[in-house]
Amino acid sequence: MPEFFEVLPPDDARSLWLAQVTHRAPLESISTLNALGRVLGQTITSPEALPAFKRSTVDGYAVRAADTFGASDSLPAYLRLVGEVPMGQAAIVDVQTGEAVLIHTGGMIPPDADAVVMVEHTQPFSAGEIEILKPVAPGENVLQVGEDVAPGAKILPAGHRLQPHDIGALLALGLAEQIPVVSKPRVGLFSTGDELVEPGTKILNPGQIRDINSGTISALCAQAGGEPEILGIVRDDPDELYRGLSTAFPDADMLVVTAGSSVSVRDMTAETINRLGAPGVLVHGVAARPGKPTILAVIDGKPVIGLPGNPVSALVMFILFGIPAIVHLMGTSVPLQMRTQARLVMNVPSAAGREDYVPVRLFDRDGETWAEPVFGKSNLIFTLVGTDGLLKVPLNVTGLREGAWGEVILYG
């Protein structure tokens, strides 16, 4: 293996890689009440009109609009009150010329009425009679049949991530069960290294470190909508790694290996991934810091990632590549990572030809969002504790100056 590898800008590497990922997570049907945040697997069409009947949008009186024309405070129109439409029941009372029916917000409009006068624009006159103090036009204060959605209308497209208001819309149409969604992509996670021990190990021997990357990447995966499975620690043995990957591959939608991705005599991840199948490793190295030695591969249409072992590097690279891959597997293009703009409280140096990602704390000053960089080595996980996101220093600049605006990728 060569001592150095050719690196690609992150955007180019991601595009090259995902273009080869043809696998998609399968579909399943679930209850609408459990579907928040899930991605629709099929386009949803309306099975009925909404509303299904003409409804009042206000409390007032259902009338024939023509009976109110010319009404005013000084010259009201007088209408006979002939009944009331109970909530949740059909409107069976007729509204003839010169008549009005008491109605409530959401109530069904009687067949012969074509408008509703707000109660604020009326007043009692005598027993069984009211004054109309303001005219209404036909259709005023009335929701027509199908005004919200017509039967057969496409209401939500395949690939749409369901939001709280979408849940309400589906329930309004009676679509409470068997909503087709994309299954959560199954992501198998391996950590490699002779020095690693389980996170719960209380006493460490000299040279040992706890495996924290599996937990961090698992959390990011779940946050992105995936279903992570921590598959354990693999020693620095290519045959052991191959057995683990080949066993996990059939049931996984994506595989992630942390550590073992730097160009060194201990590197085995790239070679082992290539043993799994074609096309194999597509990218070995991205023009970014931290995380340069990241591996991006595709096996039989499924994405495989080799992440650096340093905790900060692994987190940054999974945000840049792992989360977009999960989104891609679900058949949607909606980005998950929220981004914001913030001004810098100090200079942030960089080097042209690479993207830098710097943890930052965000705070408000005089109505503007400011970012305070937190510098540290990529193997120090507590560099990230207390920060809100990652400041992106673009590829072809030598840094960002104090007071300049920069893009921040938020963690959640």
Protein backbone atom coordinates (compact mmCIF):
# COMPACT_ATOMS: atom_id res chain seq x y z
CA MET A 1 0.00 0.00 0.00
CA PRO A 2 1.37 3.48 -0.85
CA GLU A 3 2.58 5.70 1.94
CA PHE A 4 0.16 8.49 0.97
CA PHE A 5 -3.26 8.36 -0.60
CA GLU A 6 -5.12 10.72 -2.93
CA VAL A 7 -7.80 12.67 -1.12
CA LEU A 8 -11.07 14.13 -2.42
CA PRO A 9 -13.05 17.13 -1.15
CA PRO A 10 -15.87 15.90 1.12
CA ASP A 11 -18.67 16.93 -1.25
CA ASP A 12 -17.01 15.20 -4.20
CA ALA A 13 -16.29 12.09 -2.16
CA ARG A 14 -19.87 11.90 -0.90
CA SER A 15 -21.35 12.33 -4.39
CA LEU A 16 -19.03 9.72 -5.91
CA TRP A 17 -19.82 7.26 -3.15
CA LEU A 18 -23.59 7.63 -2.88
CA ALA A 19 -23.98 7.43 -6.66
CA GLN A 20 -22.93 3.78 -6.31
CA VAL A 21 -25.26 3.03 -3.40
CA THR A 22 -28.25 1.40 -5.11
CA HIS A 23 -29.53 -0.53 -2.11
CA ARG A 24 -32.60 0.81 -0.29
CA ALA A 25 -34.08 -0.13 3.04
CA PRO A 26 -37.27 -2.22 2.68
CA LEU A 27 -40.79 -0.97 3.35
CA GLU A 28 -43.04 -1.77 6.28
CA SER A 29 -46.50 -0.69 7.46
CA ILE A 30 -46.98 0.92 10.85
CA SER A 31 -49.58 2.87 12.81
CA THR A 32 -49.81 6.56 12.00
CA LEU A 33 -49.39 7.39 15.68
CA ASN A 34 -45.97 5.70 15.58
CA ALA A 35 -44.87 7.28 12.30
CA LEU A 36 -43.44 10.62 13.46
CA GLY A 37 -40.06 11.19 11.81
CA ARG A 38 -40.40 8.17 9.54
CA VAL A 39 -40.00 8.38 5.76
CA LEU A 40 -42.97 7.51 3.57
CA GLY A 41 -42.37 4.57 1.28
CA GLN A 42 -45.25 5.40 -1.06
CA THR A 43 -47.17 8.49 -2.13
CA ILE A 44 -50.31 8.97 -0.04
CA THR A 45 -53.52 10.02 -1.80
CA SER A 46 -56.67 11.22 -0.11
CA PRO A 47 -59.42 8.58 0.13
CA GLU A 48 -62.10 11.23 0.65
CA ALA A 49 -62.95 14.92 0.58
CA LEU A 50 -62.00 17.05 3.53
CA PRO A 51 -64.16 18.51 4.84
CA ALA A 52 -66.75 15.95 3.84
CA PHE A 53 -69.59 18.46 4.38
CA LYS A 54 -69.94 22.23 4.34
CA ARG A 55 -68.83 23.56 7.73
CA SER A 56 -69.05 26.85 9.57
CA THR A 57 -65.77 28.54 10.45
CA VAL A 58 -67.37 30.74 13.14
CA ASP A 59 -70.06 30.80 15.78
CA GLY A 60 -73.10 32.55 14.34
CA TYR A 61 -76.16 32.07 12.18
CA ALA A 62 -76.50 30.12 8.93
CA VAL A 63 -78.44 32.21 6.45
CA ARG A 64 -79.17 32.84 2.81
CA ALA A 65 -76.65 35.56 1.99
CA ALA A 66 -79.14 37.48 -0.14
CA ASP A 67 -81.27 38.08 2.97
CA THR A 68 -78.45 40.14 4.50
CA PHE A 69 -77.63 42.43 1.59
CA GLY A 70 -77.78 46.09 2.65
CA ALA A 71 -77.85 45.32 6.38
CA SER A 72 -76.14 47.82 8.70
CA ASP A 73 -76.18 49.03 12.29
CA SER A 74 -78.67 51.75 11.39
CA LEU A 75 -80.77 49.58 9.08
CA PRO A 76 -80.52 45.94 10.17
CA ALA A 77 -82.03 42.96 8.38
CA TYR A 78 -84.54 40.97 10.43
CA LEU A 79 -84.54 37.16 10.27
CA ARG A 80 -86.61 34.51 12.02
CA LEU A 81 -84.61 32.05 14.17
CA VAL A 82 -85.93 28.62 13.22
CA GLY A 83 -83.56 26.23 14.97
CA GLU A 84 -80.04 25.14 15.82
CA VAL A 85 -77.53 22.71 14.31
CA PRO A 86 -76.20 20.50 17.14
CA MET A 87 -72.48 19.77 17.00
CA GLY A 88 -71.64 16.34 15.61
CA GLN A 89 -75.05 15.91 13.98
CA ALA A 90 -76.43 16.37 10.49
CA ALA A 91 -78.16 19.65 9.68
CA ILE A 92 -81.76 18.62 9.06
CA VAL A 93 -83.41 22.01 9.55
CA ASP A 94 -84.37 23.93 6.41
CA VAL A 95 -83.40 27.57 5.95
CA GLN A 96 -85.97 29.42 3.88
CA THR A 97 -85.94 33.03 2.76
CA GLY A 98 -86.00 35.33 5.80
CA GLU A 99 -84.81 32.61 8.20
CA ALA A 100 -81.64 31.88 10.20
CA VAL A 101 -80.29 28.87 12.10
CA LEU A 102 -77.94 29.02 15.09
CA ILE A 103 -74.66 27.25 14.27
CA HIS A 104 -71.32 26.69 15.99
CA THR A 105 -67.75 26.57 14.68
CA GLY A 106 -67.32 23.31 12.78
CA GLY A 107 -71.05 22.69 12.54
CA MET A 108 -72.70 21.40 9.36
CA ILE A 109 -74.25 24.06 7.12
CA PRO A 110 -77.95 23.42 6.37
CA PRO A 111 -78.56 22.53 2.71
CA ASP A 112 -80.31 25.76 1.74
CA ALA A 113 -77.96 28.13 3.60
CA ASP A 114 -74.93 29.57 1.79
CA ALA A 115 -73.24 31.81 4.39
CA VAL A 116 -72.80 32.36 8.12
CA VAL A 117 -73.16 35.68 9.93
CA MET A 118 -70.79 35.97 12.89
CA VAL A 119 -72.65 36.21 16.19
CA GLU A 120 -70.80 39.49 16.87
CA HIS A 121 -72.67 41.04 13.91
CA THR A 122 -76.10 40.15 15.24
CA GLN A 123 -78.29 40.91 18.22
CA PRO A 124 -81.60 39.58 19.55
CA PHE A 125 -84.65 41.59 18.51
CA SER A 126 -87.65 39.76 19.85
CA ALA A 127 -88.63 36.22 20.71
CA GLY A 128 -87.58 34.08 17.77
CA GLU A 129 -86.13 36.97 15.75
CA ILE A 130 -82.61 38.48 15.34
CA GLU A 131 -81.12 41.57 13.78
CA ILE A 132 -78.33 41.24 11.20
CA LEU A 133 -76.01 44.25 11.45
CA LYS A 134 -73.58 43.40 8.65
CA PRO A 135 -74.11 41.69 5.28
CA VAL A 136 -72.34 38.50 4.23
CA ALA A 137 -71.43 37.28 0.76
CA PRO A 138 -72.29 33.78 -0.50
CA GLY A 139 -69.73 31.35 0.92
CA GLU A 140 -68.56 33.71 3.66
CA ASN A 141 -67.47 31.92 6.84
CA VAL A 142 -68.11 28.55 5.18
CA LEU A 143 -65.67 25.73 4.38
CA GLN A 144 -66.79 24.03 1.18
CA VAL A 145 -66.70 20.28 0.59
CA GLY A 146 -63.14 19.30 -0.40
CA GLU A 147 -61.78 22.80 0.20
CA ASP A 148 -58.96 21.37 2.37
CA VAL A 149 -58.25 18.34 0.18
CA ALA A 150 -60.11 16.72 -2.71
CA PRO A 151 -60.67 12.97 -3.12
CA GLY A 152 -57.72 11.35 -4.89
CA ALA A 153 -55.41 14.32 -4.32
CA LYS A 154 -51.75 13.53 -3.68
CA ILE A 155 -51.19 14.77 -0.16
CA LEU A 156 -47.74 13.44 0.79
CA PRO A 157 -45.06 12.16 -1.60
CA ALA A 158 -42.88 9.10 -1.21
CA GLY A 159 -39.64 10.06 0.50
CA HIS A 160 -41.33 12.65 2.73
CA ARG A 161 -40.29 12.64 6.39
CA LEU A 162 -43.44 12.81 8.50
CA GLN A 163 -43.84 15.86 10.74
CA PRO A 164 -46.37 16.38 13.57
CA HIS A 165 -48.83 18.22 11.31
CA ASP A 166 -48.61 15.38 8.76
CA ILE A 167 -49.75 12.96 11.46
CA GLY A 168 -52.80 15.13 12.06
CA ALA A 169 -53.59 15.33 8.34
CA LEU A 170 -53.44 11.55 7.94
CA LEU A 171 -55.68 11.00 10.96
CA ALA A 172 -58.17 13.57 9.65
CA LEU A 173 -58.58 11.38 6.56
CA GLY A 174 -59.07 8.22 8.60
CA LEU A 175 -55.61 6.91 7.75
CA ALA A 176 -54.74 5.65 11.21
CA GLU A 177 -53.25 2.22 10.41
CA GLN A 178 -50.99 0.58 7.85
CA ILE A 179 -49.06 3.62 6.72
CA PRO A 180 -46.26 2.51 4.33
CA VAL A 181 -42.89 3.74 5.57
CA VAL A 182 -39.27 2.90 4.91
CA SER A 183 -37.80 0.58 7.52
CA LYS A 184 -35.11 2.09 9.68
CA PRO A 185 -31.82 1.24 7.93
CA ARG A 186 -29.96 -1.44 9.89
CA VAL A 187 -26.42 -0.27 10.57
CA GLY A 188 -23.84 -2.75 11.84
CA LEU A 189 -21.05 -1.17 13.92
CA PHE A 190 -17.60 -2.68 14.51
CA SER A 191 -14.68 -1.22 16.46
CA THR A 192 -11.19 -2.55 15.75
CA GLY A 193 -8.03 -2.45 17.81
CA ASP A 194 -6.03 -4.63 20.19
CA GLU A 195 -6.07 -1.76 22.68
CA LEU A 196 -9.87 -1.57 22.97
CA VAL A 197 -11.97 -2.92 25.84
CA GLU A 198 -15.70 -2.76 26.53
CA PRO A 199 -16.99 0.64 27.74
CA GLY A 200 -18.10 -0.80 31.07
CA THR A 201 -14.61 -1.98 32.01
CA LYS A 202 -13.83 -0.46 35.42
CA ILE A 203 -10.09 -1.11 35.68
CA LEU A 204 -7.86 -0.62 32.63
CA ASN A 205 -4.56 -2.35 32.11
CA PRO A 206 -1.67 -0.27 30.77
CA GLY A 207 -2.24 0.55 27.11
CA GLN A 208 -5.97 -0.20 27.14
CA ILE A 209 -8.72 2.28 26.28
CA ARG A 210 -12.49 1.97 26.41
CA ASP A 211 -14.39 1.72 23.14
CA ILE A 212 -16.45 4.90 22.98
CA ASN A 213 -16.85 5.21 19.21
CA SER A 214 -19.46 2.45 19.03
CA GLY A 215 -21.65 4.35 21.48
CA THR A 216 -21.16 7.73 19.82
CA ILE A 217 -21.80 6.45 16.30
CA SER A 218 -24.74 4.35 17.49
CA ALA A 219 -26.33 7.48 18.99
CA LEU A 220 -25.79 9.48 15.79
CA CYS A 221 -27.21 6.62 13.77
CA ALA A 222 -30.36 6.41 15.88
CA GLN A 223 -30.77 10.19 15.79
CA ALA A 224 -30.64 10.04 11.99
CA GLY A 225 -33.41 7.43 11.82
CA GLY A 226 -31.27 4.31 11.58
CA GLU A 227 -31.35 1.14 13.65
CA PRO A 228 -27.82 0.62 14.97
CA GLU A 229 -26.44 -2.70 16.12
CA ILE A 230 -23.15 -2.70 18.01
CA LEU A 231 -21.37 -5.86 16.85
CA GLY A 232 -18.43 -5.69 19.18
CA ILE A 233 -14.67 -5.23 19.20
CA VAL A 234 -12.51 -6.90 16.57
CA ARG A 235 -8.81 -7.42 17.17
CA ASP A 236 -6.17 -6.30 14.68
CA ASP A 237 -6.60 -9.46 12.67
CA PRO A 238 -7.81 -9.14 9.05
CA ASP A 239 -9.32 -12.62 9.04
CA GLU A 240 -11.30 -11.90 12.21
CA LEU A 241 -12.55 -8.62 10.73
CA TYR A 242 -13.48 -10.36 7.48
CA ARG A 243 -15.47 -13.01 9.34
CA GLY A 244 -17.31 -10.35 11.30
CA LEU A 245 -18.11 -8.21 8.26
CA SER A 246 -19.14 -11.13 6.05
CA THR A 247 -21.43 -12.51 8.76
CA ALA A 248 -23.11 -9.14 9.39
CA PHE A 249 -23.35 -8.05 5.75
CA PRO A 250 -26.47 -9.99 4.60
CA ASP A 251 -28.75 -8.56 7.31
CA ALA A 252 -27.32 -5.03 7.36
CA ASP A 253 -28.18 -2.08 5.16
CA MET A 254 -24.85 -0.41 6.03
CA LEU A 255 -21.66 -1.38 7.83
CA VAL A 256 -19.36 0.92 9.80
CA VAL A 257 -15.86 0.08 11.01
CA THR A 258 -14.01 2.46 13.31
CA ALA A 259 -10.20 2.59 13.50
CA GLY A 260 -7.85 0.75 11.21
CA SER A 261 -8.32 3.32 8.43
CA SER A 262 -4.99 5.19 8.48
CA VAL A 263 -2.30 4.35 5.95
CA SER A 264 0.09 2.23 8.00
CA VAL A 265 1.27 -1.32 8.38
CA ARG A 266 -1.63 -1.88 10.78
CA ASP A 267 -4.19 -0.81 8.20
CA MET A 268 -6.43 -3.69 7.31
CA THR A 269 -9.87 -2.14 6.88
CA ALA A 270 -9.60 -1.19 3.20
CA GLU A 271 -8.09 -4.51 2.16
CA THR A 272 -10.65 -6.49 4.16
CA ILE A 273 -13.56 -4.51 2.72
CA ASN A 274 -12.30 -5.24 -0.79
CA ARG A 275 -12.43 -8.96 0.04
CA LEU A 276 -16.18 -8.67 0.66
CA GLY A 277 -17.09 -7.89 -2.95
CA ALA A 278 -17.34 -5.26 -5.68
CA PRO A 279 -16.86 -2.46 -6.37
CA GLY A 280 -15.14 -2.18 -2.97
CA VAL A 281 -13.28 0.89 -1.74
CA LEU A 282 -14.09 3.99 -3.79
CA VAL A 283 -12.53 6.65 -1.58
CA HIS A 284 -9.62 6.33 0.85
CA GLY A 285 -8.98 9.81 2.13
CA VAL A 286 -10.93 13.06 2.20
CA ALA A 287 -9.61 16.61 2.19
CA ALA A 288 -10.83 17.39 5.69
CA ARG A 289 -9.57 17.80 9.22
CA PRO A 290 -10.22 15.90 11.35
CA GLY A 291 -10.93 12.65 9.55
CA LYS A 292 -8.62 12.60 6.54
CA PRO A 293 -8.11 8.78 6.38
CA THR A 294 -11.84 7.95 6.05
CA ILE A 295 -12.77 5.01 3.81
CA LEU A 296 -15.92 5.00 1.67
CA ALA A 297 -16.83 1.73 -0.01
CA VAL A 298 -19.77 0.02 -1.68
CA ILE A 299 -20.38 -3.73 -1.66
CA ASP A 300 -23.25 -5.06 -3.78
CA GLY A 301 -24.94 -1.66 -3.65
CA LYS A 302 -24.64 -1.28 0.13
CA PRO A 303 -22.53 1.46 1.79
CA VAL A 304 -19.56 0.56 3.97
CA ILE A 305 -17.60 3.18 5.93
CA GLY A 306 -14.22 2.99 7.60
CA LEU A 307 -13.90 5.73 10.21
CA PRO A 308 -10.75 6.96 11.96
CA GLY A 309 -10.34 5.74 15.51
CA ASN A 310 -9.99 9.18 17.09
CA PRO A 311 -13.35 10.04 18.69
CA VAL A 312 -13.71 13.55 17.27
CA SER A 313 -12.63 12.40 13.81
CA ALA A 314 -15.11 9.52 13.88
CA LEU A 315 -17.99 11.77 14.93
CA VAL A 316 -17.24 14.46 12.35
CA MET A 317 -16.88 11.96 9.51
CA PHE A 318 -20.06 10.11 10.42
CA ILE A 319 -21.93 13.42 10.37
CA LEU A 320 -20.48 14.18 6.93
CA PHE A 321 -20.93 10.71 5.42
CA GLY A 322 -22.83 8.30 7.68
CA ILE A 323 -25.92 10.42 8.20
CA PRO A 324 -26.29 11.26 4.47
CA ALA A 325 -25.94 7.54 3.72
CA ILE A 326 -28.78 6.70 6.12
CA VAL A 327 -30.93 9.38 4.50
CA HIS A 328 -30.02 7.98 1.06
CA LEU A 329 -30.96 4.43 2.11
CA MET A 330 -34.41 5.72 3.08
CA GLY A 331 -34.95 7.16 -0.39
CA THR A 332 -35.18 10.78 0.66
CA SER A 333 -33.01 13.81 0.01
CA VAL A 334 -34.14 15.83 3.02
CA PRO A 335 -31.04 16.75 5.05
CA LEU A 336 -31.17 15.92 8.74
CA GLN A 337 -28.40 18.08 10.10
CA MET A 338 -29.63 21.58 10.80
CA ARG A 339 -27.26 24.39 9.88
CA THR A 340 -27.04 27.97 11.05
CA GLN A 341 -24.88 31.02 10.49
CA ALA A 342 -22.82 32.48 13.33
CA ARG A 343 -20.16 35.17 13.76
CA LEU A 344 -16.76 34.23 15.09
CA VAL A 345 -15.37 35.64 18.33
CA MET A 346 -11.79 34.95 17.20
CA ASN A 347 -9.69 34.08 14.18
CA VAL A 348 -9.83 30.45 13.03
CA PRO A 349 -6.73 29.41 11.07
CA SER A 350 -6.84 26.75 8.36
CA ALA A 351 -4.96 25.59 5.28
CA ALA A 352 -6.17 25.95 1.70
CA GLY A 353 -7.06 22.66 0.07
CA ARG A 354 -8.97 21.08 2.93
CA GLU A 355 -12.15 21.63 4.93
CA ASP A 356 -11.72 22.10 8.66
CA TYR A 357 -14.45 21.28 11.17
CA VAL A 358 -14.04 23.03 14.51
CA PRO A 359 -16.32 22.44 17.54
CA VAL A 360 -17.99 25.68 18.66
CA ARG A 361 -20.16 26.98 21.46
CA LEU A 362 -23.00 29.22 20.32
CA PHE A 363 -24.38 32.21 22.20
CA ASP A 364 -26.50 35.27 21.53
CA ARG A 365 -25.08 38.79 21.55
CA ASP A 366 -27.24 41.78 20.62
CA GLY A 367 -29.63 39.62 18.64
CA GLU A 368 -26.91 37.86 16.63
CA THR A 369 -25.61 34.30 16.96
CA TRP A 370 -21.91 34.11 17.81
CA ALA A 371 -19.59 31.10 17.78
CA GLU A 372 -16.71 30.45 20.15
CA PRO A 373 -14.28 27.84 18.73
CA VAL A 374 -13.05 25.09 21.04
CA PHE A 375 -9.69 23.84 19.81
CA GLY A 376 -8.35 20.44 20.77
CA LYS A 377 -6.81 17.25 19.47
CA SER A 378 -9.00 14.80 17.58
CA ASN A 379 -8.45 12.04 20.14
CA LEU A 380 -9.91 14.10 23.00
CA ILE A 381 -13.64 13.42 23.26
CA PHE A 382 -14.17 16.09 25.91
CA THR A 383 -13.29 18.67 23.28
CA LEU A 384 -16.88 18.21 22.14
CA VAL A 385 -18.58 18.32 25.53
CA GLY A 386 -20.38 21.62 25.98
CA THR A 387 -20.25 22.51 22.28
CA ASP A 388 -23.28 22.96 20.03
CA GLY A 389 -21.99 22.15 16.58
CA LEU A 390 -19.16 22.15 14.07
CA LEU A 391 -17.91 25.28 12.32
CA LYS A 392 -17.12 24.54 8.68
CA VAL A 393 -14.02 26.28 7.33
CA PRO A 394 -14.38 26.06 3.53
CA LEU A 395 -12.01 24.17 1.28
CA ASN A 396 -10.06 26.95 -0.40
CA VAL A 397 -9.55 29.52 2.34
CA THR A 398 -6.71 29.91 4.81
CA GLY A 399 -9.03 30.59 7.72
CA LEU A 400 -11.87 32.78 8.95
CA ARG A 401 -11.37 36.13 10.62
CA GLU A 402 -12.83 37.36 13.88
CA GLY A 403 -16.29 38.81 13.24
CA ALA A 404 -16.77 36.88 10.00
CA TRP A 405 -19.87 34.78 9.45
CA GLY A 406 -19.47 31.03 9.20
CA GLU A 407 -21.66 27.98 8.70
CA VAL A 408 -22.24 25.78 11.75
CA ILE A 409 -23.55 22.21 11.51
CA LEU A 410 -25.66 21.60 14.61
CA TYR A 411 -25.41 18.27 16.39
CA GLY A 412 -29.12 17.68 16.77
